[in-house]
Amino acid sequence: RLHHKCRSVAAVVVGNPDCFKGVPATTVNRWNLLHDRTIDLLLKGDTHTIEREVREHSTWAGFSFSSPYSYDGMVYFGNETFVRCAEEYRRYDECSDLLICVLESSTHHDFMKKAFPSGYFKVGSSQNEITKMLLDDSCNILAGDKSAIQSNTLLRDSIRDGSFILGNKMMTKEPLAAVTRNIDREFSDIINWVIQALIFGEEQGLTKDLARCQNYTDLPLHDVSKLNFLNAVYCVGNRGELVDDLVDDRGMNQINNGSGMFYAIPFGDLDKDEVLEPAAGRMIPKIRTMETVNCGVAIPDSFGGNITGSDKIVGMGYVYCRAIAAALFQGK
């Protein structure tokens, strides 16, 4: 699935879906590989959190995230008794032997550290490792993204014969996104537009069509507007084509046909002892020095009063400006 997204990016940027280099990355080293430019794009099922956008804890750097290509969430999988124990945070009586396998350096690992004492979970360095830990009884349940568990070929027999169950409580929110360094906004935008093209293709019924997969005669090195973003669809397939063979029930990842969904990006770990100050010369220090934020809002034609102190102006723009000011000036 993620391999296909790399092909989609190559089809748009280079004109050939096979012109990319796959670099092995683990859950432990992936952020450092991106930060030190060993890789340019991280597609490893990573959750977009505000913390990672501002400062990811292993690199102390912020990263750019695309729109989510999938909405997921952590569930438990394994012995039915212990799945229910974990869902209800019980660690006594029949739950005293609870032991959860979880992926190291993941948002699931962060959740475990807050939800259970360290003696109730074990970490593994890859999805395969924690799967094998479950199957050889090193733990009695594992925690992971629902879609990853459903598409895990090593677990399918256990699902079919009923020896293990998939929990029915989603314990976390995991908007999964493509990740880039935050120093090249144009490249980050291109990656986001590729994701949007895959979604657009599914929405409009456009499918893989090699007859319409176009190689560039001249690479558009300096003009992003000349990139053919539908190459992502025609050369590789739309979003539905890339996921439907792996997951039977797409749930909240169906194309929106009017039902709608607002989904707040998770904050991540807010338990920080240190305060990150904005760099000098940036907009936030300037605004704080001026002690005001200039915010454009829509007002009625006949309004003639003071905008800031008025209780007559309503609407998202006005309320949002007040929220920004409260955040910048510590509640004032």
Protein backbone atom coordinates (compact mmCIF):
# COMPACT_ATOMS: atom_id res chain seq x y z
CA ARG A 1 0.00 0.00 0.00
CA LEU A 2 2.69 2.54 1.00
CA HIS A 3 4.96 1.29 -1.78
CA HIS A 4 2.21 2.24 -4.25
CA LYS A 5 2.10 5.78 -2.85
CA CYS A 6 5.84 6.13 -3.56
CA ARG A 7 5.08 5.05 -7.14
CA SER A 8 2.30 7.65 -7.29
CA VAL A 9 4.70 10.43 -6.27
CA ALA A 10 7.31 9.28 -8.82
CA ALA A 11 4.67 9.20 -11.56
CA VAL A 12 3.84 12.85 -10.89
CA VAL A 13 7.29 14.28 -10.14
CA VAL A 14 9.39 12.29 -12.63
CA GLY A 15 6.79 10.92 -15.04
CA ASN A 16 7.73 7.30 -14.32
CA PRO A 17 6.21 5.41 -11.35
CA ASP A 18 9.28 3.18 -11.06
CA CYS A 19 11.79 6.04 -10.73
CA PHE A 20 12.17 6.08 -6.96
CA LYS A 21 14.60 4.58 -4.48
CA GLY A 22 13.18 2.73 -1.50
CA VAL A 23 15.24 3.23 1.65
CA PRO A 24 14.70 0.85 4.59
CA ALA A 25 13.41 2.72 7.64
CA THR A 26 12.46 1.45 11.07
CA THR A 27 10.09 2.88 13.65
CA VAL A 28 13.16 3.92 15.65
CA ASN A 29 15.25 5.66 12.96
CA ARG A 30 12.65 6.95 10.51
CA TRP A 31 12.49 10.53 11.82
CA ASN A 32 16.28 10.87 11.86
CA LEU A 33 16.49 9.56 8.29
CA LEU A 34 14.07 12.25 7.16
CA HIS A 35 15.68 14.99 9.22
CA ASP A 36 19.23 14.30 8.01
CA ARG A 37 18.10 14.11 4.34
CA THR A 38 18.78 10.39 3.89
CA ILE A 39 15.17 10.26 2.68
CA ASP A 40 12.97 13.01 1.25
CA LEU A 41 9.58 11.49 1.96
CA LEU A 42 8.38 9.32 4.84
CA LEU A 43 5.54 6.94 4.04
CA LYS A 44 5.42 4.51 6.92
CA GLY A 45 1.90 4.91 8.24
CA ASP A 46 2.79 7.83 10.51
CA THR A 47 0.21 9.72 12.53
CA HIS A 48 -0.08 13.46 12.11
CA THR A 49 0.06 15.09 15.54
CA ILE A 50 0.54 18.73 16.48
CA GLU A 51 3.55 17.70 18.56
CA ARG A 52 5.31 16.20 15.52
CA GLU A 53 4.46 19.24 13.43
CA VAL A 54 6.10 21.55 15.99
CA ARG A 55 8.86 19.33 17.39
CA GLU A 56 9.18 15.55 17.06
CA HIS A 57 10.79 14.26 20.25
CA SER A 58 13.68 12.20 18.79
CA THR A 59 14.99 14.92 16.41
CA TRP A 60 13.71 18.09 18.10
CA ALA A 61 12.58 19.20 14.63
CA GLY A 62 9.15 19.92 13.18
CA PHE A 63 7.84 18.20 10.06
CA SER A 64 5.20 18.84 7.41
CA PHE A 65 2.27 16.45 6.98
CA SER A 66 -0.02 15.90 4.02
CA SER A 67 -3.76 15.64 4.33
CA PRO A 68 -4.52 12.22 5.82
CA TYR A 69 -4.58 9.42 3.25
CA SER A 70 -6.24 7.17 5.82
CA TYR A 71 -8.05 7.57 9.14
CA ASP A 72 -7.20 4.78 11.53
CA GLY A 73 -7.08 4.04 15.23
CA MET A 74 -5.45 1.71 17.72
CA VAL A 75 -7.33 -1.43 18.70
CA TYR A 76 -6.37 -4.52 20.66
CA PHE A 77 -6.08 -7.98 19.12
CA GLY A 78 -5.57 -11.37 20.74
CA ASN A 79 -7.07 -13.43 23.56
CA GLU A 80 -10.66 -12.29 24.09
CA THR A 81 -10.43 -12.05 27.88
CA PHE A 82 -7.32 -9.89 27.77
CA VAL A 83 -8.65 -7.72 24.94
CA ARG A 84 -11.61 -6.82 27.18
CA CYS A 85 -9.24 -6.27 30.12
CA ALA A 86 -7.14 -3.81 28.14
CA GLU A 87 -10.16 -1.98 26.73
CA GLU A 88 -11.47 -1.46 30.28
CA TYR A 89 -8.01 -0.69 31.78
CA ARG A 90 -8.37 -3.61 34.24
CA ARG A 91 -5.25 -5.17 35.74
CA TYR A 92 -6.66 -7.28 38.60
CA ASP A 93 -8.21 -10.76 39.04
CA GLU A 94 -8.40 -12.47 35.64
CA CYS A 95 -6.58 -9.50 34.10
CA SER A 96 -3.50 -9.71 36.32
CA ASP A 97 -1.50 -11.53 33.61
CA LEU A 98 -2.28 -8.95 30.93
CA LEU A 99 0.72 -8.33 28.66
CA ILE A 100 0.47 -6.17 25.55
CA CYS A 101 2.86 -6.10 22.60
CA VAL A 102 3.24 -2.69 20.99
CA LEU A 103 5.39 -1.06 18.32
CA GLU A 104 8.31 0.93 19.72
CA SER A 105 8.43 4.72 19.17
CA SER A 106 4.84 4.82 17.89
CA THR A 107 1.82 6.80 19.03
CA HIS A 108 0.51 3.47 20.34
CA HIS A 109 3.63 3.17 22.51
CA ASP A 110 3.02 6.71 23.81
CA PHE A 111 -0.54 5.70 24.67
CA MET A 112 0.63 2.57 26.53
CA LYS A 113 3.08 4.53 28.66
CA LYS A 114 0.21 6.65 29.93
CA ALA A 115 -2.42 3.91 30.21
CA PHE A 116 -0.49 1.06 31.88
CA PRO A 117 2.53 0.52 34.14
CA SER A 118 5.61 -0.62 32.21
CA GLY A 119 5.24 -4.23 33.39
CA TYR A 120 2.05 -4.65 31.36
CA PHE A 121 3.48 -4.08 27.88
CA LYS A 122 6.46 -5.11 25.76
CA VAL A 123 7.84 -3.28 22.72
CA GLY A 124 9.01 -4.61 19.37
CA SER A 125 10.90 -2.82 16.60
CA SER A 126 8.60 -3.83 13.72
CA GLN A 127 5.07 -4.98 12.97
CA ASN A 128 6.37 -8.44 12.13
CA GLU A 129 8.21 -8.66 15.44
CA ILE A 130 5.21 -7.83 17.61
CA THR A 131 3.07 -10.21 15.54
CA LYS A 132 5.51 -13.05 16.18
CA MET A 133 5.65 -12.10 19.87
CA LEU A 134 1.89 -12.58 20.04
CA LEU A 135 1.94 -15.88 18.15
CA ASP A 136 4.71 -17.37 20.34
CA ASP A 137 2.90 -16.28 23.54
CA SER A 138 5.41 -13.63 24.54
CA CYS A 139 2.31 -11.47 25.09
CA ASN A 140 -1.39 -12.23 25.11
CA ILE A 141 -2.60 -9.30 22.99
CA LEU A 142 -1.09 -6.74 20.65
CA ALA A 143 -1.97 -3.10 20.07
CA GLY A 144 -1.96 -1.69 16.57
CA ASP A 145 -3.79 0.22 13.87
CA LYS A 146 -7.00 -1.56 12.97
CA SER A 147 -6.23 -1.61 9.25
CA ALA A 148 -2.72 -2.98 9.83
CA ILE A 149 -4.09 -5.85 11.91
CA GLN A 150 -6.85 -6.64 9.40
CA SER A 151 -4.36 -6.75 6.51
CA ASN A 152 -1.69 -8.74 8.41
CA THR A 153 -1.38 -12.05 6.58
CA LEU A 154 0.26 -13.72 9.60
CA LEU A 155 -2.88 -13.09 11.67
CA ARG A 156 -5.58 -14.06 9.18
CA ASP A 157 -5.77 -17.72 10.25
CA SER A 158 -6.18 -16.65 13.89
CA ILE A 159 -9.01 -14.32 12.85
CA ARG A 160 -10.75 -16.99 10.77
CA ASP A 161 -10.65 -19.79 13.35
CA GLY A 162 -11.73 -17.49 16.19
CA SER A 163 -8.72 -18.16 18.41
CA PHE A 164 -8.08 -14.41 18.60
CA ILE A 165 -10.51 -11.50 18.39
CA LEU A 166 -10.26 -7.91 17.22
CA GLY A 167 -11.36 -5.44 19.87
CA ASN A 168 -14.35 -3.26 19.12
CA LYS A 169 -13.10 -0.15 20.91
CA MET A 170 -10.85 2.26 19.02
CA MET A 171 -8.54 3.60 21.72
CA THR A 172 -6.80 6.37 19.74
CA LYS A 173 -7.23 8.58 16.68
CA GLU A 174 -4.61 8.03 13.99
CA PRO A 175 -4.83 10.30 10.92
CA LEU A 176 -2.10 8.75 8.76
CA ALA A 177 -0.21 11.12 6.48
CA ALA A 178 2.85 11.48 4.24
CA VAL A 179 5.68 13.33 6.00
CA THR A 180 8.30 15.73 4.61
CA ARG A 181 10.79 18.21 6.04
CA ASN A 182 9.21 21.58 6.78
CA ILE A 183 11.90 23.61 5.03
CA ASP A 184 10.60 23.11 1.46
CA ARG A 185 6.96 24.11 1.33
CA GLU A 186 6.69 23.59 -2.44
CA PHE A 187 7.77 19.94 -2.23
CA SER A 188 5.47 19.37 0.76
CA ASP A 189 2.61 20.88 -1.24
CA ILE A 190 3.35 18.59 -4.20
CA ILE A 191 3.17 15.52 -1.95
CA ASN A 192 -0.12 16.73 -0.52
CA TRP A 193 -1.53 17.32 -4.01
CA VAL A 194 -0.56 13.77 -5.02
CA ILE A 195 -2.61 12.46 -2.08
CA GLN A 196 -5.48 14.71 -3.12
CA ALA A 197 -5.23 13.43 -6.72
CA LEU A 198 -5.60 9.82 -5.50
CA ILE A 199 -8.72 10.78 -3.54
CA PHE A 200 -10.08 12.84 -6.47
CA GLY A 201 -9.58 9.89 -8.80
CA GLU A 202 -11.69 7.62 -6.62
CA GLU A 203 -14.37 10.28 -6.16
CA GLN A 204 -14.64 10.87 -9.92
CA GLY A 205 -14.41 7.23 -10.95
CA LEU A 206 -10.99 7.61 -12.61
CA THR A 207 -8.96 4.40 -12.51
CA LYS A 208 -5.57 3.06 -13.52
CA ASP A 209 -5.17 3.43 -17.28
CA LEU A 210 -1.67 2.92 -18.66
CA ALA A 211 -2.74 4.37 -22.01
CA ARG A 212 -3.15 7.71 -20.22
CA CYS A 213 -0.01 7.37 -18.08
CA GLN A 214 2.24 10.03 -19.61
CA ASN A 215 6.01 10.28 -19.43
CA TYR A 216 7.36 13.82 -19.57
CA THR A 217 9.23 14.77 -22.74
CA ASP A 218 10.96 17.47 -20.68
CA LEU A 219 10.93 17.41 -16.90
CA PRO A 220 9.17 20.52 -15.52
CA LEU A 221 12.01 21.35 -13.14
CA HIS A 222 10.94 24.88 -12.23
CA ASP A 223 7.21 24.98 -12.95
CA VAL A 224 5.02 22.96 -10.61
CA SER A 225 1.92 23.92 -12.59
CA LYS A 226 3.14 21.69 -15.45
CA LEU A 227 3.19 18.54 -13.32
CA ASN A 228 0.53 16.03 -14.33
CA PHE A 229 -1.03 15.09 -10.98
CA LEU A 230 -3.48 12.67 -12.59
CA ASN A 231 -0.44 10.54 -13.49
CA ALA A 232 -0.74 9.30 -9.91
CA VAL A 233 -4.09 7.78 -10.80
CA TYR A 234 -3.51 6.68 -14.40
CA CYS A 235 -0.07 5.15 -13.75
CA VAL A 236 -0.72 3.54 -10.36
CA GLY A 237 -4.43 3.70 -9.48
CA ASN A 238 -6.84 5.76 -7.41
CA ARG A 239 -6.95 5.61 -3.64
CA GLY A 240 -9.61 2.90 -3.59
CA GLU A 241 -7.61 0.70 -5.95
CA LEU A 242 -4.60 0.95 -3.64
CA VAL A 243 -6.43 -0.16 -0.48
CA ASP A 244 -9.43 -2.29 -1.41
CA ASP A 245 -7.40 -5.46 -1.91
CA LEU A 246 -6.06 -5.19 1.65
CA VAL A 247 -9.03 -4.13 3.78
CA ASP A 248 -12.55 -5.51 3.43
CA ASP A 249 -14.29 -2.88 5.56
CA ARG A 250 -13.11 0.68 4.91
CA GLY A 251 -15.37 2.18 7.57
CA MET A 252 -14.67 5.89 8.00
CA ASN A 253 -12.37 5.85 4.97
CA GLN A 254 -15.20 5.71 2.45
CA ILE A 255 -15.44 8.61 0.03
CA ASN A 256 -17.61 11.33 1.57
CA ASN A 257 -20.91 11.42 -0.29
CA GLY A 258 -22.60 13.93 1.98
CA SER A 259 -22.28 12.43 5.45
CA GLY A 260 -19.33 14.67 6.38
CA MET A 261 -16.73 14.29 9.10
CA PHE A 262 -14.67 16.78 11.09
CA TYR A 263 -11.65 15.16 12.67
CA ALA A 264 -9.34 17.11 15.00
CA ILE A 265 -5.63 16.36 14.60
CA PRO A 266 -4.32 14.73 17.83
CA PHE A 267 -2.06 16.93 19.94
CA GLY A 268 0.47 14.24 20.79
CA ASP A 269 2.46 14.38 24.02
CA LEU A 270 1.79 17.66 25.86
CA ASP A 271 3.69 16.67 29.02
CA LYS A 272 6.71 18.87 28.35
CA ASP A 273 8.93 20.36 31.03
CA GLU A 274 10.61 22.79 28.65
CA VAL A 275 8.94 25.56 26.64
CA LEU A 276 9.82 25.94 22.96
CA GLU A 277 10.32 29.61 22.16
CA PRO A 278 9.79 30.81 18.56
CA ALA A 279 12.95 31.76 16.68
CA ALA A 280 13.83 35.46 16.56
CA GLY A 281 12.57 37.22 13.45
CA ARG A 282 9.51 34.99 13.11
CA MET A 283 5.97 36.28 13.11
CA ILE A 284 4.97 35.16 16.61
CA PRO A 285 7.66 37.22 18.46
CA LYS A 286 6.73 40.26 16.34
CA ILE A 287 3.04 39.92 17.20
CA ARG A 288 3.81 39.50 20.89
CA THR A 289 6.01 42.59 20.82
CA MET A 290 3.17 44.62 19.24
CA GLU A 291 0.80 43.04 21.80
CA THR A 292 -1.89 42.62 19.17
CA VAL A 293 -2.68 40.39 16.20
CA ASN A 294 -4.14 42.05 13.10
CA CYS A 295 -6.94 39.77 12.02
CA GLY A 296 -9.27 40.43 9.08
CA VAL A 297 -12.93 39.65 9.78
CA ALA A 298 -16.19 40.09 7.88
CA ILE A 299 -18.53 42.68 9.43
CA PRO A 300 -22.04 43.87 8.50
CA ASP A 301 -22.18 46.86 6.12
CA SER A 302 -24.05 48.95 8.67
CA PHE A 303 -21.68 48.19 11.59
CA GLY A 304 -19.99 51.29 12.96
CA GLY A 305 -18.76 50.28 16.42
CA ASN A 306 -15.55 48.91 17.90
CA ILE A 307 -14.88 45.47 16.41
CA THR A 308 -12.76 44.06 19.23
CA GLY A 309 -15.11 45.02 22.05
CA SER A 310 -18.37 44.34 20.25
CA ASP A 311 -20.77 41.56 21.16
CA LYS A 312 -22.72 42.17 17.94
CA ILE A 313 -20.29 40.48 15.56
CA VAL A 314 -20.64 36.73 15.21
CA GLY A 315 -19.26 34.13 12.88
CA MET A 316 -16.38 31.71 12.53
CA GLY A 317 -13.85 34.38 11.50
CA TYR A 318 -14.39 36.60 14.53
CA VAL A 319 -14.43 33.69 16.99
CA TYR A 320 -11.33 32.17 15.39
CA CYS A 321 -9.43 35.47 15.72
CA ARG A 322 -10.30 35.60 19.41
CA ALA A 323 -9.09 32.02 19.83
CA ILE A 324 -5.76 32.84 18.15
CA ALA A 325 -5.32 35.91 20.37
CA ALA A 326 -6.08 33.84 23.48
CA ALA A 327 -3.41 31.32 22.48
CA LEU A 328 -0.79 33.95 21.64
CA PHE A 329 -1.34 36.11 24.70
CA GLN A 330 -1.97 33.42 27.33
CA GLY A 331 -5.72 33.78 27.54
CA LYS A 332 -6.01 37.55 27.07
